């Protein structure tokens, strides 16, 4: 009889452990959702202002007001890209020269 009781108690204990794990996962997920909700609410509040709308339009469509200029900053090529261009440039000139003399 005690074997049946032990088996039953063990089953209840395993369910309690699994329930605790599930609860902790759900609480963590809820906290993540709260953080996301707050971030989205901040974004909505920003977009409800004239300045926020202007910033979003400027960022997404890269536009400027009348009379303003737009500056586009381009990253310089890495040294590896420059070396490849030089190598393939020399190789291309050589092949062009060979084809020209045919």
PDB file of N, CA and C in Angstrom:
ATOM      1  N   UNK A   1       0.819  -1.188   0.000  1.00  0.00           N
ATOM      2  CA  UNK A   1       0.000   0.000   0.000  1.00  0.00           C
ATOM      3  C   UNK A   1       0.868   1.258   0.000  1.00  0.00           C
ATOM      4  N   UNK A   2       1.956   1.239   0.757  1.00  0.00           N
ATOM      5  CA  UNK A   2       2.825   2.416   0.801  1.00  0.00           C
ATOM      6  C   UNK A   2       3.492   2.660  -0.556  1.00  0.00           C
ATOM      7  N   UNK A   3       3.656   1.611  -1.355  1.00  0.00           N
ATOM      8  CA  UNK A   3       4.230   1.761  -2.689  1.00  0.00           C
ATOM      9  C   UNK A   3       3.296   2.599  -3.550  1.00  0.00           C
ATOM     10  N   UNK A   4       1.997   2.332  -3.466  1.00  0.00           N
ATOM     11  CA  UNK A   4       1.027   3.110  -4.238  1.00  0.00           C
ATOM     12  C   UNK A   4       1.015   4.563  -3.792  1.00  0.00           C
ATOM     13  N   UNK A   5       1.094   4.778  -2.491  1.00  0.00           N
ATOM     14  CA  UNK A   5       1.119   6.150  -1.975  1.00  0.00           C
ATOM     15  C   UNK A   5       2.382   6.875  -2.437  1.00  0.00           C
ATOM     16  N   UNK A   6       3.509   6.188  -2.360  1.00  0.00           N
ATOM     17  CA  UNK A   6       4.773   6.782  -2.788  1.00  0.00           C
ATOM     18  C   UNK A   6       4.720   7.124  -4.276  1.00  0.00           C
ATOM     19  N   UNK A   7       4.174   6.202  -5.063  1.00  0.00           N
ATOM     20  CA  UNK A   7       4.063   6.443  -6.497  1.00  0.00           C
ATOM     21  C   UNK A   7       3.165   7.658  -6.755  1.00  0.00           C
ATOM     22  N   UNK A   8       2.050   7.766  -6.075  1.00  0.00           N
ATOM     23  CA  UNK A   8       1.129   8.894  -6.233  1.00  0.00           C
ATOM     24  C   UNK A   8       1.766  10.213  -5.817  1.00  0.00           C
ATOM     25  N   UNK A   9       2.481  10.201  -4.703  1.00  0.00           N
ATOM     26  CA  UNK A   9       3.149  11.422  -4.222  1.00  0.00           C
ATOM     27  C   UNK A   9       4.242  11.826  -5.202  1.00  0.00           C
ATOM     28  N   UNK A  10       4.964  10.872  -5.722  1.00  0.00           N
ATOM     29  CA  UNK A  10       6.023  11.173  -6.692  1.00  0.00           C
ATOM     30  C   UNK A  10       5.429  11.820  -7.959  1.00  0.00           C
ATOM     31  N   UNK A  11       4.307  11.303  -8.429  1.00  0.00           N
ATOM     32  CA  UNK A  11       3.642  11.875  -9.599  1.00  0.00           C
ATOM     33  C   UNK A  11       3.200  13.313  -9.346  1.00  0.00           C
ATOM     34  N   UNK A  12       2.630  13.568  -8.177  1.00  0.00           N
ATOM     35  CA  UNK A  12       2.202  14.922  -7.816  1.00  0.00           C
ATOM     36  C   UNK A  12       3.416  15.839  -7.714  1.00  0.00           C
ATOM     37  N   UNK A  13       4.514  15.350  -7.151  1.00  0.00           N
ATOM     38  CA  UNK A  13       5.744  16.149  -7.040  1.00  0.00           C
ATOM     39  C   UNK A  13       6.272  16.527  -8.425  1.00  0.00           C
ATOM     40  N   UNK A  14       6.299  15.566  -9.361  1.00  0.00           N
ATOM     41  CA  UNK A  14       6.775  15.855 -10.715  1.00  0.00           C
ATOM     42  C   UNK A  14       5.884  16.889 -11.401  1.00  0.00           C
ATOM     43  N   UNK A  15       4.587  16.801 -11.207  1.00  0.00           N
ATOM     44  CA  UNK A  15       3.670  17.783 -11.780  1.00  0.00           C
ATOM     45  C   UNK A  15       3.918  19.171 -11.187  1.00  0.00           C
ATOM     46  N   UNK A  16       4.181  19.221  -9.888  1.00  0.00           N
ATOM     47  CA  UNK A  16       4.449  20.505  -9.228  1.00  0.00           C
ATOM     48  C   UNK A  16       5.725  21.132  -9.775  1.00  0.00           C
ATOM     49  N   UNK A  17       6.753  20.326  -9.976  1.00  0.00           N
ATOM     50  CA  UNK A  17       8.015  20.826 -10.522  1.00  0.00           C
ATOM     51  C   UNK A  17       7.796  21.356 -11.936  1.00  0.00           C
ATOM     52  N   UNK A  18       7.078  20.598 -12.767  1.00  0.00           N
ATOM     53  CA  UNK A  18       6.811  21.035 -14.145  1.00  0.00           C
ATOM     54  C   UNK A  18       5.966  22.308 -14.157  1.00  0.00           C
ATOM     55  N   UNK A  19       5.007  22.391 -13.261  1.00  0.00           N
ATOM     56  CA  UNK A  19       4.165  23.589 -13.169  1.00  0.00           C
ATOM     57  C   UNK A  19       4.998  24.799 -12.777  1.00  0.00           C
ATOM     58  N   UNK A  20       5.932  24.629 -11.863  1.00  0.00           N
ATOM     59  CA  UNK A  20       6.798  25.730 -11.447  1.00  0.00           C
ATOM     60  C   UNK A  20       7.678  26.198 -12.609  1.00  0.00           C
ATOM     61  N   UNK A  21       8.210  25.237 -13.371  1.00  0.00           N
ATOM     62  CA  UNK A  21       9.037  25.583 -14.538  1.00  0.00           C
ATOM     63  C   UNK A  21       8.197  26.352 -15.558  1.00  0.00           C
ATOM     64  N   UNK A  22       6.991  25.841 -15.838  1.00  0.00           N
ATOM     65  CA  UNK A  22       6.105  26.518 -16.790  1.00  0.00           C
ATOM     66  C   UNK A  22       5.747  27.924 -16.309  1.00  0.00           C
ATOM     67  N   UNK A  23       5.495  28.068 -15.024  1.00  0.00           N
ATOM     68  CA  UNK A  23       5.148  29.373 -14.473  1.00  0.00           C
ATOM     69  C   UNK A  23       6.315  30.351 -14.648  1.00  0.00           C
ATOM     70  N   UNK A  24       7.526  29.907 -14.357  1.00  0.00           N
ATOM     71  CA  UNK A  24       8.701  30.772 -14.490  1.00  0.00           C
ATOM     72  C   UNK A  24       8.909  31.189 -15.946  1.00  0.00           C
ATOM     73  N   UNK A  25       8.680  30.258 -16.877  1.00  0.00           N
ATOM     74  CA  UNK A  25       8.797  30.591 -18.293  1.00  0.00           C
ATOM     75  C   UNK A  25       7.751  31.619 -18.697  1.00  0.00           C
ATOM     76  N   UNK A  26       6.539  31.437 -18.236  1.00  0.00           N
ATOM     77  CA  UNK A  26       5.454  32.368 -18.569  1.00  0.00           C
ATOM     78  C   UNK A  26       5.696  33.746 -17.954  1.00  0.00           C
ATOM     79  N   UNK A  27       6.218  33.781 -16.750  1.00  0.00           N
ATOM     80  CA  UNK A  27       6.516  35.066 -16.113  1.00  0.00           C
ATOM     81  C   UNK A  27       7.610  35.794 -16.891  1.00  0.00           C
ATOM     82  N   UNK A  28       8.634  35.075 -17.314  1.00  0.00           N
ATOM     83  CA  UNK A  28       9.706  35.681 -18.102  1.00  0.00           C
ATOM     84  C   UNK A  28       9.162  36.187 -19.438  1.00  0.00           C
ATOM     85  N   UNK A  29       8.300  35.407 -20.069  1.00  0.00           N
ATOM     86  CA  UNK A  29       7.698  35.816 -21.338  1.00  0.00           C
ATOM     87  C   UNK A  29       6.821  37.057 -21.137  1.00  0.00           C
ATOM     88  N   UNK A  30       6.073  37.078 -20.060  1.00  0.00           N
ATOM     89  CA  UNK A  30       5.229  38.238 -19.751  1.00  0.00           C
ATOM     90  C   UNK A  30       6.076  39.490 -19.549  1.00  0.00           C
ATOM     91  N   UNK A  31       7.210  39.352 -18.870  1.00  0.00           N
ATOM     92  CA  UNK A  31       8.101  40.499 -18.663  1.00  0.00           C
ATOM     93  C   UNK A  31       8.655  41.002 -19.996  1.00  0.00           C
ATOM     94  N   UNK A  32       9.024  40.075 -20.896  1.00  0.00           N
ATOM     95  CA  UNK A  32       9.496  40.470 -22.222  1.00  0.00           C
ATOM     96  C   UNK A  32       8.407  41.221 -22.985  1.00  0.00           C
ATOM     97  N   UNK A  33       7.174  40.727 -22.896  1.00  0.00           N
ATOM     98  CA  UNK A  33       6.059  41.386 -23.574  1.00  0.00           C
ATOM     99  C   UNK A  33       5.797  42.777 -22.992  1.00  0.00           C
ATOM    100  N   UNK A  34       5.959  42.919 -21.688  1.00  0.00           N
ATOM    101  CA  UNK A  34       5.771  44.226 -21.055  1.00  0.00           C
ATOM    102  C   UNK A  34       6.815  45.222 -21.549  1.00  0.00           C
ATOM    103  N   UNK A  35       8.056  44.764 -21.651  1.00  0.00           N
ATOM    104  CA  UNK A  35       9.129  45.633 -22.153  1.00  0.00           C
ATOM    105  C   UNK A  35       8.830  46.033 -23.591  1.00  0.00           C
ATOM    106  N   UNK A  36       8.392  45.072 -24.397  1.00  0.00           N
ATOM    107  CA  UNK A  36       8.061  45.371 -25.795  1.00  0.00           C
ATOM    108  C   UNK A  36       6.878  46.329 -25.881  1.00  0.00           C
ATOM    109  N   UNK A  37       5.869  46.104 -25.047  1.00  0.00           N
ATOM    110  CA  UNK A  37       4.703  46.992 -25.039  1.00  0.00           C
ATOM    111  C   UNK A  37       5.117  48.408 -24.693  1.00  0.00           C
ATOM    112  N   UNK A  38       5.974  48.548 -23.694  1.00  0.00           N
ATOM    113  CA  UNK A  38       6.440  49.885 -23.300  1.00  0.00           C
ATOM    114  C   UNK A  38       7.221  50.555 -24.429  1.00  0.00           C
ATOM    115  N   UNK A  39       8.069  49.785 -25.110  1.00  0.00           N
ATOM    116  CA  UNK A  39       8.838  50.340 -26.224  1.00  0.00           C
ATOM    117  C   UNK A  39       7.911  50.770 -27.351  1.00  0.00           C
ATOM    118  N   UNK A  40       6.918  49.946 -27.653  1.00  0.00           N
ATOM    119  CA  UNK A  40       5.966  50.309 -28.702  1.00  0.00           C
ATOM    120  C   UNK A  40       5.141  51.525 -28.315  1.00  0.00           C
ATOM    121  N   UNK A  41       4.762  51.608 -27.047  1.00  0.00           N
ATOM    122  CA  UNK A  41       4.000  52.769 -26.584  1.00  0.00           C
ATOM    123  C   UNK A  41       4.843  54.038 -26.680  1.00  0.00           C
ATOM    124  N   UNK A  42       6.124  53.942 -26.348  1.00  0.00           N
ATOM    125  CA  UNK A  42       7.020  55.099 -26.492  1.00  0.00           C
ATOM    126  C   UNK A  42       7.123  55.518 -27.951  1.00  0.00           C
ATOM    127  N   UNK A  43       7.202  54.529 -28.851  1.00  0.00           N
ATOM    128  CA  UNK A  43       7.283  54.832 -30.288  1.00  0.00           C
ATOM    129  C   UNK A  43       5.991  55.482 -30.778  1.00  0.00           C
ATOM    130  N   UNK A  44       4.862  54.980 -30.312  1.00  0.00           N
ATOM    131  CA  UNK A  44       3.573  55.584 -30.682  1.00  0.00           C
ATOM    132  C   UNK A  44       3.506  57.016 -30.197  1.00  0.00           C
ATOM    133  N   UNK A  45       3.926  57.242 -28.954  1.00  0.00           N
ATOM    134  CA  UNK A  45       3.917  58.602 -28.409  1.00  0.00           C
ATOM    135  C   UNK A  45       4.822  59.525 -29.221  1.00  0.00           C
ATOM    136  N   UNK A  46       5.976  59.019 -29.651  1.00  0.00           N
ATOM    137  CA  UNK A  46       6.895  59.823 -30.453  1.00  0.00           C
ATOM    138  C   UNK A  46       6.277  60.149 -31.804  1.00  0.00           C
ATOM    139  N   UNK A  47       5.605  59.160 -32.401  1.00  0.00           N
ATOM    140  CA  UNK A  47       5.002  59.371 -33.718  1.00  0.00           C
ATOM    141  C   UNK A  47       3.739  60.225 -33.664  1.00  0.00           C
ATOM    142  N   UNK A  48       3.206  60.444 -32.495  1.00  0.00           N
ATOM    143  CA  UNK A  48       2.033  61.308 -32.353  1.00  0.00           C
ATOM    144  C   UNK A  48       2.412  62.783 -32.282  1.00  0.00           C
ATOM    145  N   UNK A  49       3.694  63.078 -32.358  1.00  0.00           N
ATOM    146  CA  UNK A  49       4.135  64.468 -32.349  1.00  0.00           C
ATOM    147  C   UNK A  49       4.564  64.864 -33.754  1.00  0.00           C
ATOM    148  N   UNK A  50       4.501  66.161 -34.033  1.00  0.00           N
ATOM    149  CA  UNK A  50       4.911  66.669 -35.341  1.00  0.00           C
ATOM    150  C   UNK A  50       6.386  66.350 -35.605  1.00  0.00           C
ATOM    151  N   UNK A  51       7.204  66.537 -34.587  1.00  0.00           N
ATOM    152  CA  UNK A  51       8.638  66.270 -34.743  1.00  0.00           C
ATOM    153  C   UNK A  51       8.898  64.789 -35.020  1.00  0.00           C
ATOM    154  N   UNK A  52       8.177  63.911 -34.324  1.00  0.00           N
ATOM    155  CA  UNK A  52       8.346  62.474 -34.525  1.00  0.00           C
ATOM    156  C   UNK A  52       7.970  62.045 -35.928  1.00  0.00           C
ATOM    157  N   UNK A  53       6.883  62.607 -36.440  1.00  0.00           N
ATOM    158  CA  UNK A  53       6.467  62.291 -37.806  1.00  0.00           C
ATOM    159  C   UNK A  53       7.535  62.748 -38.795  1.00  0.00           C
ATOM    160  N   UNK A  54       8.037  63.967 -38.596  1.00  0.00           N
ATOM    161  CA  UNK A  54       9.070  64.504 -39.485  1.00  0.00           C
ATOM    162  C   UNK A  54      10.327  63.643 -39.448  1.00  0.00           C
ATOM    163  N   UNK A  55      10.767  63.247 -38.248  1.00  0.00           N
ATOM    164  CA  UNK A  55      11.956  62.399 -38.125  1.00  0.00           C
ATOM    165  C   UNK A  55      11.767  61.076 -38.861  1.00  0.00           C
ATOM    166  N   UNK A  56      10.601  60.469 -38.709  1.00  0.00           N
ATOM    167  CA  UNK A  56      10.339  59.175 -39.343  1.00  0.00           C
ATOM    168  C   UNK A  56      10.339  59.306 -40.864  1.00  0.00           C
ATOM    169  N   UNK A  57       9.707  60.347 -41.378  1.00  0.00           N
ATOM    170  CA  UNK A  57       9.677  60.560 -42.833  1.00  0.00           C
ATOM    171  C   UNK A  57      11.086  60.793 -43.359  1.00  0.00           C
ATOM    172  N   UNK A  58      11.857  61.623 -42.658  1.00  0.00           N
ATOM    173  CA  UNK A  58      13.224  61.895 -43.099  1.00  0.00           C
ATOM    174  C   UNK A  58      14.077  60.632 -43.087  1.00  0.00           C
ATOM    175  N   UNK A  59      13.884  59.809 -42.078  1.00  0.00           N
ATOM    176  CA  UNK A  59      14.685  58.587 -41.956  1.00  0.00           C
ATOM    177  C   UNK A  59      14.296  57.567 -43.027  1.00  0.00           C
ATOM    178  N   UNK A  60      13.024  57.351 -43.236  1.00  0.00           N
ATOM    179  CA  UNK A  60      12.583  56.300 -44.155  1.00  0.00           C
ATOM    180  C   UNK A  60      12.756  56.689 -45.613  1.00  0.00           C
ATOM    181  N   UNK A  61      12.530  57.952 -45.950  1.00  0.00           N
ATOM    182  CA  UNK A  61      12.517  58.344 -47.352  1.00  0.00           C
ATOM    183  C   UNK A  61      13.682  59.240 -47.746  1.00  0.00           C
ATOM    184  N   UNK A  62      14.562  59.553 -46.814  1.00  0.00           N
ATOM    185  CA  UNK A  62      15.746  60.375 -47.064  1.00  0.00           C
ATOM    186  C   UNK A  62      15.382  61.638 -47.842  1.00  0.00           C
ATOM    187  N   UNK A  63      14.456  62.408 -47.271  1.00  0.00           N
ATOM    188  CA  UNK A  63      14.020  63.656 -47.887  1.00  0.00           C
ATOM    189  C   UNK A  63      14.478  64.824 -47.034  1.00  0.00           C
ATOM    190  N   UNK A  64      14.407  66.019 -47.636  1.00  0.00           N
ATOM    191  CA  UNK A  64      14.767  67.234 -46.923  1.00  0.00           C
ATOM    192  C   UNK A  64      13.701  68.279 -47.211  1.00  0.00           C
ATOM    193  N   UNK A  65      13.602  69.245 -46.334  1.00  0.00           N
ATOM    194  CA  UNK A  65      12.682  70.352 -46.550  1.00  0.00           C
ATOM    195  C   UNK A  65      13.213  71.214 -47.682  1.00  0.00           C
ATOM    196  N   UNK A  66      12.339  72.018 -48.214  1.00  0.00           N
ATOM    197  CA  UNK A  66      12.734  72.936 -49.268  1.00  0.00           C
ATOM    198  C   UNK A  66      13.804  73.882 -48.739  1.00  0.00           C
ATOM    199  N   UNK A  67      14.885  74.006 -49.496  1.00  0.00           N
ATOM    200  CA  UNK A  67      15.989  74.865 -49.083  1.00  0.00           C
ATOM    201  C   UNK A  67      17.068  74.133 -48.298  1.00  0.00           C
ATOM    202  N   UNK A  68      16.797  72.908 -47.864  1.00  0.00           N
ATOM    203  CA  UNK A  68      17.793  72.122 -47.147  1.00  0.00           C
ATOM    204  C   UNK A  68      18.548  71.238 -48.126  1.00  0.00           C
ATOM    205  N   UNK A  69      19.729  70.862 -47.747  1.00  0.00           N
ATOM    206  CA  UNK A  69      20.512  69.936 -48.543  1.00  0.00           C
ATOM    207  C   UNK A  69      20.611  68.605 -47.830  1.00  0.00           C
ATOM    208  N   UNK A  70      20.957  67.581 -48.572  1.00  0.00           N
ATOM    209  CA  UNK A  70      21.123  66.246 -47.997  1.00  0.00           C
ATOM    210  C   UNK A  70      22.578  65.844 -48.179  1.00  0.00           C
ATOM    211  N   UNK A  71      23.184  65.382 -47.110  1.00  0.00           N
ATOM    212  CA  UNK A  71      24.562  64.901 -47.162  1.00  0.00           C
ATOM    213  C   UNK A  71      24.522  63.387 -47.014  1.00  0.00           C
ATOM    214  N   UNK A  72      25.119  62.708 -47.969  1.00  0.00           N
ATOM    215  CA  UNK A  72      25.194  61.248 -47.923  1.00  0.00           C
ATOM    216  C   UNK A  72      26.627  60.876 -47.607  1.00  0.00           C
ATOM    217  N   UNK A  73      26.807  60.167 -46.512  1.00  0.00           N
ATOM    218  CA  UNK A  73      28.143  59.748 -46.087  1.00  0.00           C
ATOM    219  C   UNK A  73      28.361  58.323 -46.563  1.00  0.00           C
ATOM    220  N   UNK A  74      29.411  58.146 -47.348  1.00  0.00           N
ATOM    221  CA  UNK A  74      29.732  56.836 -47.907  1.00  0.00           C
ATOM    222  C   UNK A  74      31.005  56.342 -47.238  1.00  0.00           C
ATOM    223  N   UNK A  75      30.960  55.097 -46.781  1.00  0.00           N
ATOM    224  CA  UNK A  75      32.122  54.497 -46.142  1.00  0.00           C
ATOM    225  C   UNK A  75      33.205  54.255 -47.193  1.00  0.00           C
ATOM    226  N   UNK A  76      34.457  54.538 -46.868  1.00  0.00           N
ATOM    227  CA  UNK A  76      35.527  54.255 -47.827  1.00  0.00           C
ATOM    228  C   UNK A  76      35.691  52.744 -47.976  1.00  0.00           C
ATOM    229  N   UNK A  77      36.148  52.289 -49.145  1.00  0.00           N
ATOM    230  CA  UNK A  77      36.320  50.845 -49.329  1.00  0.00           C
ATOM    231  C   UNK A  77      37.438  50.328 -48.429  1.00  0.00           C
ATOM    232  N   UNK A  78      37.293  49.096 -48.024  1.00  0.00           N
ATOM    233  CA  UNK A  78      38.335  48.499 -47.187  1.00  0.00           C
ATOM    234  C   UNK A  78      39.573  48.253 -48.035  1.00  0.00           C
ATOM    235  N   UNK A  79      40.699  48.070 -47.383  1.00  0.00           N
ATOM    236  CA  UNK A  79      41.957  47.852 -48.114  1.00  0.00           C
ATOM    237  C   UNK A  79      41.897  46.566 -48.932  1.00  0.00           C
ATOM    238  N   UNK A  80      41.156  45.564 -48.470  1.00  0.00           N
ATOM    239  CA  UNK A  80      41.027  44.300 -49.201  1.00  0.00           C
ATOM    240  C   UNK A  80      40.312  44.541 -50.524  1.00  0.00           C
ATOM    241  N   UNK A  81      39.252  45.361 -50.516  1.00  0.00           N
ATOM    242  CA  UNK A  81      38.529  45.659 -51.750  1.00  0.00           C
ATOM    243  C   UNK A  81      39.430  46.393 -52.731  1.00  0.00           C
ATOM    244  N   UNK A  82      40.239  47.323 -52.233  1.00  0.00           N
ATOM    245  CA  UNK A  82      41.136  48.080 -53.096  1.00  0.00           C
ATOM    246  C   UNK A  82      42.170  47.149 -53.719  1.00  0.00           C
ATOM    247  N   UNK A  83      42.726  46.230 -52.925  1.00  0.00           N
ATOM    248  CA  UNK A  83      43.708  45.284 -53.447  1.00  0.00           C
ATOM    249  C   UNK A  83      43.091  44.399 -54.524  1.00  0.00           C
ATOM    250  N   UNK A  84      41.840  43.946 -54.318  1.00  0.00           N
ATOM    251  CA  UNK A  84      41.175  43.110 -55.315  1.00  0.00           C
ATOM    252  C   UNK A  84      40.952  43.901 -56.599  1.00  0.00           C
ATOM    253  N   UNK A  85      40.551  45.164 -56.472  1.00  0.00           N
ATOM    254  CA  UNK A  85      40.322  45.987 -57.653  1.00  0.00           C
ATOM    255  C   UNK A  85      41.617  46.180 -58.441  1.00  0.00           C
ATOM    256  N   UNK A  86      42.717  46.410 -57.739  1.00  0.00           N
ATOM    257  CA  UNK A  86      44.006  46.592 -58.413  1.00  0.00           C
ATOM    258  C   UNK A  86      44.401  45.304 -59.120  1.00  0.00           C
ATOM    259  N   UNK A  87      44.276  44.166 -58.453  1.00  0.00           N
ATOM    260  CA  UNK A  87      44.656  42.880 -59.031  1.00  0.00           C
ATOM    261  C   UNK A  87      43.820  42.593 -60.272  1.00  0.00           C
ATOM    262  N   UNK A  88      42.491  42.687 -60.130  1.00  0.00           N
ATOM    263  CA  UNK A  88      41.630  42.384 -61.262  1.00  0.00           C
ATOM    264  C   UNK A  88      41.744  43.451 -62.355  1.00  0.00           C
ATOM    265  N   UNK A  89      42.092  44.679 -61.993  1.00  0.00           N
ATOM    266  CA  UNK A  89      42.315  45.717 -62.991  1.00  0.00           C
ATOM    267  C   UNK A  89      43.506  45.390 -63.862  1.00  0.00           C
ATOM    268  N   UNK A  90      44.607  44.937 -63.236  1.00  0.00           N
ATOM    269  CA  UNK A  90      45.812  44.560 -63.978  1.00  0.00           C
ATOM    270  C   UNK A  90      45.521  43.341 -64.829  1.00  0.00           C
ATOM    271  N   UNK A  91      44.832  42.354 -64.271  1.00  0.00           N
ATOM    272  CA  UNK A  91      44.494  41.145 -65.003  1.00  0.00           C
ATOM    273  C   UNK A  91      43.591  41.477 -66.191  1.00  0.00           C
ATOM    274  N   UNK A  92      42.646  42.345 -66.009  1.00  0.00           N
ATOM    275  CA  UNK A  92      41.740  42.749 -67.086  1.00  0.00           C
ATOM    276  C   UNK A  92      42.506  43.459 -68.191  1.00  0.00           C
ATOM    277  N   UNK A  93      43.404  44.358 -67.822  1.00  0.00           N
ATOM    278  CA  UNK A  93      44.198  45.057 -68.832  1.00  0.00           C
ATOM    279  C   UNK A  93      45.039  44.075 -69.636  1.00  0.00           C
ATOM    280  N   UNK A  94      45.602  43.076 -68.964  1.00  0.00           N
ATOM    281  CA  UNK A  94      46.409  42.071 -69.650  1.00  0.00           C
ATOM    282  C   UNK A  94      45.560  41.286 -70.640  1.00  0.00           C
ATOM    283  N   UNK A  95      44.388  40.800 -70.185  1.00  0.00           N
ATOM    284  CA  UNK A  95      43.527  40.027 -71.082  1.00  0.00           C
ATOM    285  C   UNK A  95      43.011  40.891 -72.225  1.00  0.00           C
ATOM    286  N   UNK A  96      42.706  42.151 -71.965  1.00  0.00           N
ATOM    287  CA  UNK A  96      42.272  43.057 -73.035  1.00  0.00           C
ATOM    288  C   UNK A  96      43.383  43.234 -74.060  1.00  0.00           C
ATOM    289  N   UNK A  97      44.635  43.342 -73.572  1.00  0.00           N
ATOM    290  CA  UNK A  97      45.771  43.523 -74.461  1.00  0.00           C
ATOM    291  C   UNK A  97      45.975  42.271 -75.322  1.00  0.00           C
ATOM    292  N   UNK A  98      45.848  41.077 -74.745  1.00  0.00           N
ATOM    293  CA  UNK A  98      46.002  39.831 -75.481  1.00  0.00           C
ATOM    294  C   UNK A  98      44.905  39.715 -76.539  1.00  0.00           C
ATOM    295  N   UNK A  99      43.686  40.039 -76.160  1.00  0.00           N
ATOM    296  CA  UNK A  99      42.572  39.955 -77.109  1.00  0.00           C
ATOM    297  C   UNK A  99      42.766  40.986 -78.222  1.00  0.00           C
ATOM    298  N   UNK A 100      43.273  42.158 -77.893  1.00  0.00           N
ATOM    299  CA  UNK A 100      43.475  43.215 -78.888  1.00  0.00           C
ATOM    300  C   UNK A 100      44.487  42.791 -79.935  1.00  0.00           C
ATOM    301  N   UNK A 101      45.556  42.082 -79.528  1.00  0.00           N
ATOM    302  CA  UNK A 101      46.614  41.687 -80.458  1.00  0.00           C
ATOM    303  C   UNK A 101      46.256  40.499 -81.307  1.00  0.00           C
ATOM    304  N   UNK A 102      45.176  39.861 -81.088  1.00  0.00           N
ATOM    305  CA  UNK A 102      44.793  38.662 -81.878  1.00  0.00           C
ATOM    306  C   UNK A 102      44.490  39.007 -83.274  1.00  0.00           C
TER     307      UNK A 102
END
